PDB file of N, CA and C in Angstrom:
ATOM      1  N   UNK A   1     -34.339  54.175  29.005  1.00  0.00           N
ATOM      2  CA  UNK A   1     -34.778  52.871  28.993  1.00  0.00           C
ATOM      3  C   UNK A   1     -34.577  52.300  30.317  1.00  0.00           C
ATOM      4  N   UNK A   2     -35.946  51.436  30.246  1.00  0.00           N
ATOM      5  CA  UNK A   2     -36.136  50.953  31.822  1.00  0.00           C
ATOM      6  C   UNK A   2     -35.305  49.290  31.544  1.00  0.00           C
ATOM      7  N   UNK A   3     -34.799  49.150  32.711  1.00  0.00           N
ATOM      8  CA  UNK A   3     -33.327  47.635  32.415  1.00  0.00           C
ATOM      9  C   UNK A   3     -34.449  46.801  32.424  1.00  0.00           C
ATOM     10  N   UNK A   4     -35.851  46.628  32.729  1.00  0.00           N
ATOM     11  CA  UNK A   4     -36.285  45.327  32.180  1.00  0.00           C
ATOM     12  C   UNK A   4     -36.759  45.429  31.119  1.00  0.00           C
ATOM     13  N   UNK A   5     -37.166  46.445  30.272  1.00  0.00           N
ATOM     14  CA  UNK A   5     -37.063  46.407  29.252  1.00  0.00           C
ATOM     15  C   UNK A   5     -35.645  46.441  28.046  1.00  0.00           C
ATOM     16  N   UNK A   6     -35.123  46.814  28.378  1.00  0.00           N
ATOM     17  CA  UNK A   6     -33.683  46.232  27.666  1.00  0.00           C
ATOM     18  C   UNK A   6     -33.307  44.712  28.200  1.00  0.00           C
ATOM     19  N   UNK A   7     -33.492  44.527  29.131  1.00  0.00           N
ATOM     20  CA  UNK A   7     -32.851  42.640  29.437  1.00  0.00           C
ATOM     21  C   UNK A   7     -33.775  42.028  28.491  1.00  0.00           C
ATOM     22  N   UNK A   8     -35.102  42.405  28.419  1.00  0.00           N
ATOM     23  CA  UNK A   8     -36.006  41.539  27.831  1.00  0.00           C
ATOM     24  C   UNK A   8     -35.604  41.803  25.978  1.00  0.00           C
ATOM     25  N   UNK A   9     -35.504  42.908  25.642  1.00  0.00           N
ATOM     26  CA  UNK A   9     -34.522  43.088  24.290  1.00  0.00           C
ATOM     27  C   UNK A   9     -33.323  42.065  23.875  1.00  0.00           C
ATOM     28  N   UNK A  10     -32.732  42.402  25.111  1.00  0.00           N
ATOM     29  CA  UNK A  10     -31.426  41.986  24.757  1.00  0.00           C
ATOM     30  C   UNK A  10     -31.487  40.272  24.724  1.00  0.00           C
ATOM     31  N   UNK A  11     -32.270  39.176  25.591  1.00  0.00           N
ATOM     32  CA  UNK A  11     -32.525  37.917  25.768  1.00  0.00           C
ATOM     33  C   UNK A  11     -33.736  37.726  24.549  1.00  0.00           C
ATOM     34  N   UNK A  12     -34.244  38.346  23.794  1.00  0.00           N
ATOM     35  CA  UNK A  12     -35.252  38.186  23.024  1.00  0.00           C
ATOM     36  C   UNK A  12     -33.921  38.088  21.675  1.00  0.00           C
ATOM     37  N   UNK A  13     -32.810  38.843  21.777  1.00  0.00           N
ATOM     38  CA  UNK A  13     -32.287  39.050  20.396  1.00  0.00           C
ATOM     39  C   UNK A  13     -30.978  37.696  20.582  1.00  0.00           C
ATOM     40  N   UNK A  14     -30.596  37.552  22.092  1.00  0.00           N
ATOM     41  CA  UNK A  14     -29.990  36.312  22.286  1.00  0.00           C
ATOM     42  C   UNK A  14     -30.357  35.404  21.536  1.00  0.00           C
ATOM     43  N   UNK A  15     -31.717  35.309  22.165  1.00  0.00           N
ATOM     44  CA  UNK A  15     -32.353  33.508  21.328  1.00  0.00           C
ATOM     45  C   UNK A  15     -32.641  33.559  20.077  1.00  0.00           C
ATOM     46  N   UNK A  16     -33.105  34.538  19.421  1.00  0.00           N
ATOM     47  CA  UNK A  16     -33.039  34.438  18.109  1.00  0.00           C
ATOM     48  C   UNK A  16     -31.758  34.383  17.019  1.00  0.00           C
ATOM     49  N   UNK A  17     -30.582  34.959  17.626  1.00  0.00           N
ATOM     50  CA  UNK A  17     -28.977  34.604  17.448  1.00  0.00           C
ATOM     51  C   UNK A  17     -28.901  32.937  17.534  1.00  0.00           C
ATOM     52  N   UNK A  18     -29.301  32.500  18.728  1.00  0.00           N
ATOM     53  CA  UNK A  18     -28.948  31.115  18.887  1.00  0.00           C
ATOM     54  C   UNK A  18     -29.565  30.441  17.859  1.00  0.00           C
ATOM     55  N   UNK A  19     -31.019  30.745  18.050  1.00  0.00           N
ATOM     56  CA  UNK A  19     -31.772  29.623  16.806  1.00  0.00           C
ATOM     57  C   UNK A  19     -31.378  29.451  15.530  1.00  0.00           C
ATOM     58  N   UNK A  20     -30.817  30.989  15.355  1.00  0.00           N
ATOM     59  CA  UNK A  20     -30.241  31.026  13.627  1.00  0.00           C
ATOM     60  C   UNK A  20     -28.958  30.316  13.215  1.00  0.00           C
ATOM     61  N   UNK A  21     -28.128  30.384  14.600  1.00  0.00           N
ATOM     62  CA  UNK A  21     -26.902  29.826  14.101  1.00  0.00           C
ATOM     63  C   UNK A  21     -26.952  28.303  14.458  1.00  0.00           C
ATOM     64  N   UNK A  22     -27.452  28.147  16.024  1.00  0.00           N
ATOM     65  CA  UNK A  22     -27.484  26.523  15.804  1.00  0.00           C
ATOM     66  C   UNK A  22     -28.164  25.836  15.253  1.00  0.00           C
ATOM     67  N   UNK A  23     -27.432  24.865  14.782  1.00  0.00           N
ATOM     68  CA  UNK A  23     -28.288  23.753  13.563  1.00  0.00           C
ATOM     69  C   UNK A  23     -28.987  22.632  14.635  1.00  0.00           C
ATOM     70  N   UNK A  24     -30.297  22.388  14.402  1.00  0.00           N
ATOM     71  CA  UNK A  24     -31.323  21.304  15.320  1.00  0.00           C
ATOM     72  C   UNK A  24     -30.511  20.224  15.194  1.00  0.00           C
ATOM     73  N   UNK A  25     -30.370  20.150  16.760  1.00  0.00           N
ATOM     74  CA  UNK A  25     -29.695  19.047  17.526  1.00  0.00           C
ATOM     75  C   UNK A  25     -30.544  17.873  17.986  1.00  0.00           C
ATOM     76  N   UNK A  26     -31.956  18.088  18.132  1.00  0.00           N
ATOM     77  CA  UNK A  26     -33.188  17.156  18.814  1.00  0.00           C
ATOM     78  C   UNK A  26     -34.097  17.892  17.670  1.00  0.00           C
ATOM     79  N   UNK A  27     -34.515  16.839  17.040  1.00  0.00           N
ATOM     80  CA  UNK A  27     -35.423  16.838  15.695  1.00  0.00           C
ATOM     81  C   UNK A  27     -35.896  15.115  15.850  1.00  0.00           C
ATOM     82  N   UNK A  28     -36.850  15.132  15.073  1.00  0.00           N
ATOM     83  CA  UNK A  28     -37.670  13.980  14.659  1.00  0.00           C
ATOM     84  C   UNK A  28     -37.115  13.004  14.137  1.00  0.00           C
ATOM     85  N   UNK A  29     -35.997  13.189  13.553  1.00  0.00           N
ATOM     86  CA  UNK A  29     -34.744  12.457  12.669  1.00  0.00           C
ATOM     87  C   UNK A  29     -33.023  12.711  12.947  1.00  0.00           C
ATOM     88  N   UNK A  30     -32.620  13.474  13.920  1.00  0.00           N
ATOM     89  CA  UNK A  30     -31.493  13.786  14.490  1.00  0.00           C
ATOM     90  C   UNK A  30     -30.816  12.484  14.989  1.00  0.00           C
ATOM     91  N   UNK A  31     -29.454  12.537  15.078  1.00  0.00           N
ATOM     92  CA  UNK A  31     -28.765  10.885  15.654  1.00  0.00           C
ATOM     93  C   UNK A  31     -29.086  11.467  17.017  1.00  0.00           C
ATOM     94  N   UNK A  32     -28.993  12.594  17.860  1.00  0.00           N
ATOM     95  CA  UNK A  32     -29.378  12.141  19.001  1.00  0.00           C
ATOM     96  C   UNK A  32     -30.554  11.953  19.604  1.00  0.00           C
ATOM     97  N   UNK A  33     -31.814  11.760  18.835  1.00  0.00           N
ATOM     98  CA  UNK A  33     -33.133  11.117  19.162  1.00  0.00           C
ATOM     99  C   UNK A  33     -33.038   9.837  18.651  1.00  0.00           C
ATOM    100  N   UNK A  34     -31.941   9.350  18.066  1.00  0.00           N
ATOM    101  CA  UNK A  34     -32.219   7.876  17.382  1.00  0.00           C
ATOM    102  C   UNK A  34     -31.258   7.163  18.530  1.00  0.00           C
ATOM    103  N   UNK A  35     -30.247   8.047  19.119  1.00  0.00           N
ATOM    104  CA  UNK A  35     -29.294   7.309  20.247  1.00  0.00           C
ATOM    105  C   UNK A  35     -30.739   7.559  21.504  1.00  0.00           C
ATOM    106  N   UNK A  36     -31.209   8.304  21.902  1.00  0.00           N
ATOM    107  CA  UNK A  36     -31.847   8.241  22.648  1.00  0.00           C
ATOM    108  C   UNK A  36     -33.256   7.189  23.217  1.00  0.00           C
ATOM    109  N   UNK A  37     -33.497   6.913  21.831  1.00  0.00           N
ATOM    110  CA  UNK A  37     -34.807   6.284  21.983  1.00  0.00           C
ATOM    111  C   UNK A  37     -34.103   4.191  21.299  1.00  0.00           C
ATOM    112  N   UNK A  38     -33.025   4.343  21.386  1.00  0.00           N
ATOM    113  CA  UNK A  38     -32.836   3.118  21.074  1.00  0.00           C
ATOM    114  C   UNK A  38     -31.864   2.612  22.610  1.00  0.00           C
ATOM    115  N   UNK A  39     -31.367   3.449  22.988  1.00  0.00           N
ATOM    116  CA  UNK A  39     -30.227   2.990  24.147  1.00  0.00           C
ATOM    117  C   UNK A  39     -31.682   2.750  25.162  1.00  0.00           C
ATOM    118  N   UNK A  40     -31.391   1.796  26.522  1.00  0.00           N
ATOM    119  CA  UNK A  40     -32.206   1.432  27.732  1.00  0.00           C
ATOM    120  C   UNK A  40     -32.400   2.416  28.376  1.00  0.00           C
ATOM    121  N   UNK A  41     -31.511   2.913  28.959  1.00  0.00           N
ATOM    122  CA  UNK A  41     -31.796   4.318  29.508  1.00  0.00           C
ATOM    123  C   UNK A  41     -32.498   5.542  29.370  1.00  0.00           C
ATOM    124  N   UNK A  42     -32.373   5.685  28.102  1.00  0.00           N
ATOM    125  CA  UNK A  42     -33.226   6.961  27.300  1.00  0.00           C
ATOM    126  C   UNK A  42     -34.838   6.572  27.622  1.00  0.00           C
ATOM    127  N   UNK A  43     -35.291   4.813  26.950  1.00  0.00           N
ATOM    128  CA  UNK A  43     -36.484   4.702  27.247  1.00  0.00           C
ATOM    129  C   UNK A  43     -36.655   4.833  28.665  1.00  0.00           C
ATOM    130  N   UNK A  44     -36.289   4.453  29.704  1.00  0.00           N
ATOM    131  CA  UNK A  44     -36.275   4.902  30.987  1.00  0.00           C
ATOM    132  C   UNK A  44     -36.610   5.780  31.123  1.00  0.00           C
ATOM    133  N   UNK A  45     -35.637   6.609  30.780  1.00  0.00           N
ATOM    134  CA  UNK A  45     -36.147   8.475  30.919  1.00  0.00           C
ATOM    135  C   UNK A  45     -37.563   8.645  30.399  1.00  0.00           C
ATOM    136  N   UNK A  46     -37.661   8.742  29.574  1.00  0.00           N
ATOM    137  CA  UNK A  46     -38.950   8.752  28.563  1.00  0.00           C
ATOM    138  C   UNK A  46     -39.896   8.371  29.245  1.00  0.00           C
ATOM    139  N   UNK A  47     -40.133   7.166  29.405  1.00  0.00           N
ATOM    140  CA  UNK A  47     -41.200   6.679  30.287  1.00  0.00           C
ATOM    141  C   UNK A  47     -41.580   7.162  31.871  1.00  0.00           C
ATOM    142  N   UNK A  48     -40.316   7.260  32.122  1.00  0.00           N
ATOM    143  CA  UNK A  48     -40.519   7.860  33.525  1.00  0.00           C
ATOM    144  C   UNK A  48     -41.137   9.230  33.440  1.00  0.00           C
ATOM    145  N   UNK A  49     -40.702  10.191  32.477  1.00  0.00           N
ATOM    146  CA  UNK A  49     -41.449  11.384  32.331  1.00  0.00           C
ATOM    147  C   UNK A  49     -42.654  11.626  31.997  1.00  0.00           C
ATOM    148  N   UNK A  50     -43.149  10.519  31.009  1.00  0.00           N
ATOM    149  CA  UNK A  50     -44.158  10.255  30.536  1.00  0.00           C
ATOM    150  C   UNK A  50     -45.185   9.864  31.899  1.00  0.00           C
ATOM    151  N   UNK A  51     -44.959   9.011  32.841  1.00  0.00           N
ATOM    152  CA  UNK A  51     -45.578   8.226  34.419  1.00  0.00           C
ATOM    153  C   UNK A  51     -46.042   9.390  35.153  1.00  0.00           C
ATOM    154  N   UNK A  52     -44.716  10.562  35.080  1.00  0.00           N
ATOM    155  CA  UNK A  52     -45.331  11.794  36.100  1.00  0.00           C
ATOM    156  C   UNK A  52     -45.671  12.490  35.452  1.00  0.00           C
ATOM    157  N   UNK A  53     -45.735  13.704  34.131  1.00  0.00           N
ATOM    158  CA  UNK A  53     -46.103  14.597  33.395  1.00  0.00           C
ATOM    159  C   UNK A  53     -47.523  14.498  33.164  1.00  0.00           C
ATOM    160  N   UNK A  54     -47.782  13.194  32.436  1.00  0.00           N
ATOM    161  CA  UNK A  54     -48.986  12.973  31.785  1.00  0.00           C
ATOM    162  C   UNK A  54     -49.936  12.930  32.558  1.00  0.00           C
ATOM    163  N   UNK A  55     -50.029  12.157  34.207  1.00  0.00           N
ATOM    164  CA  UNK A  55     -50.923  12.571  35.210  1.00  0.00           C
ATOM    165  C   UNK A  55     -50.710  13.710  35.653  1.00  0.00           C
ATOM    166  N   UNK A  56     -49.977  14.821  35.428  1.00  0.00           N
ATOM    167  CA  UNK A  56     -50.292  16.199  36.426  1.00  0.00           C
ATOM    168  C   UNK A  56     -50.879  16.613  34.820  1.00  0.00           C
ATOM    169  N   UNK A  57     -50.832  16.459  33.539  1.00  0.00           N
ATOM    170  CA  UNK A  57     -51.039  17.460  33.056  1.00  0.00           C
ATOM    171  C   UNK A  57     -52.446  17.190  32.540  1.00  0.00           C
ATOM    172  N   UNK A  58     -52.918  15.783  32.635  1.00  0.00           N
ATOM    173  CA  UNK A  58     -54.261  15.505  33.142  1.00  0.00           C
ATOM    174  C   UNK A  58     -54.798  16.461  34.004  1.00  0.00           C
ATOM    175  N   UNK A  59     -54.416  16.317  35.389  1.00  0.00           N
ATOM    176  CA  UNK A  59     -55.003  17.226  36.366  1.00  0.00           C
ATOM    177  C   UNK A  59     -55.152  18.934  36.220  1.00  0.00           C
ATOM    178  N   UNK A  60     -54.085  19.347  35.682  1.00  0.00           N
ATOM    179  CA  UNK A  60     -54.288  20.661  35.482  1.00  0.00           C
ATOM    180  C   UNK A  60     -55.451  21.157  34.360  1.00  0.00           C
ATOM    181  N   UNK A  61     -55.627  19.648  33.326  1.00  0.00           N
ATOM    182  CA  UNK A  61     -56.883  20.175  32.661  1.00  0.00           C
ATOM    183  C   UNK A  61     -57.860  20.129  33.306  1.00  0.00           C
ATOM    184  N   UNK A  62     -58.439  18.674  34.242  1.00  0.00           N
ATOM    185  CA  UNK A  62     -59.462  18.778  34.775  1.00  0.00           C
ATOM    186  C   UNK A  62     -59.808  20.124  35.191  1.00  0.00           C
ATOM    187  N   UNK A  63     -58.634  20.473  36.601  1.00  0.00           N
ATOM    188  CA  UNK A  63     -58.928  21.802  37.145  1.00  0.00           C
ATOM    189  C   UNK A  63     -59.188  23.031  36.481  1.00  0.00           C
ATOM    190  N   UNK A  64     -58.467  22.697  35.528  1.00  0.00           N
ATOM    191  CA  UNK A  64     -59.528  24.411  34.425  1.00  0.00           C
ATOM    192  C   UNK A  64     -60.287  24.371  33.899  1.00  0.00           C
ATOM    193  N   UNK A  65     -60.980  23.345  33.445  1.00  0.00           N
ATOM    194  CA  UNK A  65     -62.426  22.896  32.765  1.00  0.00           C
ATOM    195  C   UNK A  65     -63.495  22.899  34.140  1.00  0.00           C
ATOM    196  N   UNK A  66     -62.915  22.391  35.011  1.00  0.00           N
ATOM    197  CA  UNK A  66     -63.720  22.703  36.260  1.00  0.00           C
ATOM    198  C   UNK A  66     -64.481  24.302  36.941  1.00  0.00           C
ATOM    199  N   UNK A  67     -62.926  24.824  36.897  1.00  0.00           N
ATOM    200  CA  UNK A  67     -63.292  26.313  37.030  1.00  0.00           C
ATOM    201  C   UNK A  67     -63.664  27.152  36.064  1.00  0.00           C
ATOM    202  N   UNK A  68     -63.861  26.674  35.501  1.00  0.00           N
ATOM    203  CA  UNK A  68     -64.475  27.163  33.823  1.00  0.00           C
ATOM    204  C   UNK A  68     -65.727  27.034  34.226  1.00  0.00           C
ATOM    205  N   UNK A  69     -66.324  26.107  34.621  1.00  0.00           N
ATOM    206  CA  UNK A  69     -67.782  25.473  34.739  1.00  0.00           C
ATOM    207  C   UNK A  69     -67.996  26.534  36.325  1.00  0.00           C
ATOM    208  N   UNK A  70     -67.164  26.306  36.885  1.00  0.00           N
ATOM    209  CA  UNK A  70     -67.467  27.423  38.249  1.00  0.00           C
ATOM    210  C   UNK A  70     -67.703  28.496  37.869  1.00  0.00           C
ATOM    211  N   UNK A  71     -66.973  29.276  37.066  1.00  0.00           N
ATOM    212  CA  UNK A  71     -67.490  30.963  36.323  1.00  0.00           C
ATOM    213  C   UNK A  71     -68.393  31.292  35.790  1.00  0.00           C
ATOM    214  N   UNK A  72     -68.485  30.101  34.820  1.00  0.00           N
ATOM    215  CA  UNK A  72     -70.172  30.252  34.364  1.00  0.00           C
ATOM    216  C   UNK A  72     -70.864  29.729  34.811  1.00  0.00           C
ATOM    217  N   UNK A  73     -71.320  29.375  35.585  1.00  0.00           N
ATOM    218  CA  UNK A  73     -72.439  28.754  36.162  1.00  0.00           C
ATOM    219  C   UNK A  73     -72.490  30.348  37.495  1.00  0.00           C
ATOM    220  N   UNK A  74     -71.369  30.691  37.976  1.00  0.00           N
ATOM    221  CA  UNK A  74     -71.605  32.074  38.799  1.00  0.00           C
ATOM    222  C   UNK A  74     -71.752  33.396  38.027  1.00  0.00           C
ATOM    223  N   UNK A  75     -71.815  32.798  36.767  1.00  0.00           N
ATOM    224  CA  UNK A  75     -72.126  34.345  35.843  1.00  0.00           C
ATOM    225  C   UNK A  75     -73.675  34.766  35.673  1.00  0.00           C
ATOM    226  N   UNK A  76     -74.126  33.582  35.850  1.00  0.00           N
ATOM    227  CA  UNK A  76     -75.843  33.456  35.833  1.00  0.00           C
ATOM    228  C   UNK A  76     -76.296  33.546  36.720  1.00  0.00           C
TER     229      UNK A  76
END
């Protein structure tokens, strides 16, 4: 068997086992989510992630749409 295929199968198996064994620690109503959202530092980190990730995702969306329009324009 190919080593990459064997590694992929092994990692997939480990992820499936981890999902079924571990309980959901972070979810909409979990204690961790309530603790992070109620603390000052947790809110500060979430605001920082929003400030950095939101413009990047909007930029990627706009670039993708522009590339899509250019490709459609070049086909004609």
